[in-house]
C-alpha cells in the first residue's frame, strides 16, 4: 500500500484536487483492504 501511495503522491497530475481526494482515500484504507475494489467502488 505504501508503494501505491508513493506513486500517487509523486505523479504529475492535471487535477490536483482529485489527487488529494485519492490520497485521502488511501489514508483511510486499512492494511487488509483491496485497493482495486476500493477504486471500483469510488468510480460508481
Protein backbone atom coordinates (compact mmCIF):
# COMPACT_ATOMS: atom_id res chain seq x y z
CA UNK A 1 0.00 0.00 0.00
CA UNK A 2 2.90 2.36 0.70
CA UNK A 3 4.14 1.94 -2.87
CA UNK A 4 0.72 2.88 -4.27
CA UNK A 5 0.57 5.99 -2.08
CA UNK A 6 4.11 6.98 -3.06
CA UNK A 7 3.29 6.59 -6.77
CA UNK A 8 0.16 8.72 -6.44
CA UNK A 9 1.96 11.41 -4.45
CA UNK A 10 4.83 11.65 -6.96
CA UNK A 11 2.67 11.63 -10.10
CA UNK A 12 2.29 14.75 -12.19
CA UNK A 13 -1.44 15.39 -12.33
CA UNK A 14 -3.83 17.58 -14.26
CA UNK A 15 -6.36 17.80 -11.42
CA UNK A 16 -4.63 18.21 -8.03
CA UNK A 17 -7.94 18.16 -6.14
CA UNK A 18 -8.59 14.62 -7.44
CA UNK A 19 -5.10 13.59 -6.38
CA UNK A 20 -5.78 14.93 -2.89
CA UNK A 21 -9.07 13.01 -2.79
CA UNK A 22 -7.28 9.81 -3.82
CA UNK A 23 -4.56 10.31 -1.20
CA UNK A 24 -7.27 10.82 1.43
CA UNK A 25 -8.94 7.56 0.34
CA UNK A 26 -5.61 5.74 0.58
CA UNK A 27 -5.05 7.11 4.09
CA UNK A 28 -8.47 5.80 5.18
CA UNK A 29 -7.84 2.30 3.82
CA UNK A 30 -6.71 -0.43 6.15
CA UNK A 31 -3.77 -2.72 5.55
CA UNK A 32 -6.09 -5.58 4.54
CA UNK A 33 -8.27 -3.54 2.15
CA UNK A 34 -8.03 -4.26 -1.56
CA UNK A 35 -7.24 -1.00 -3.43
CA UNK A 36 -8.69 -2.28 -6.72
CA UNK A 37 -12.09 -2.92 -5.14
CA UNK A 38 -11.99 0.45 -3.38
CA UNK A 39 -11.23 2.28 -6.64
CA UNK A 40 -14.04 0.40 -8.37
CA UNK A 41 -16.48 1.43 -5.64
CA UNK A 42 -15.21 5.02 -5.86
CA UNK A 43 -15.91 5.02 -9.60
CA UNK A 44 -19.58 4.02 -9.13
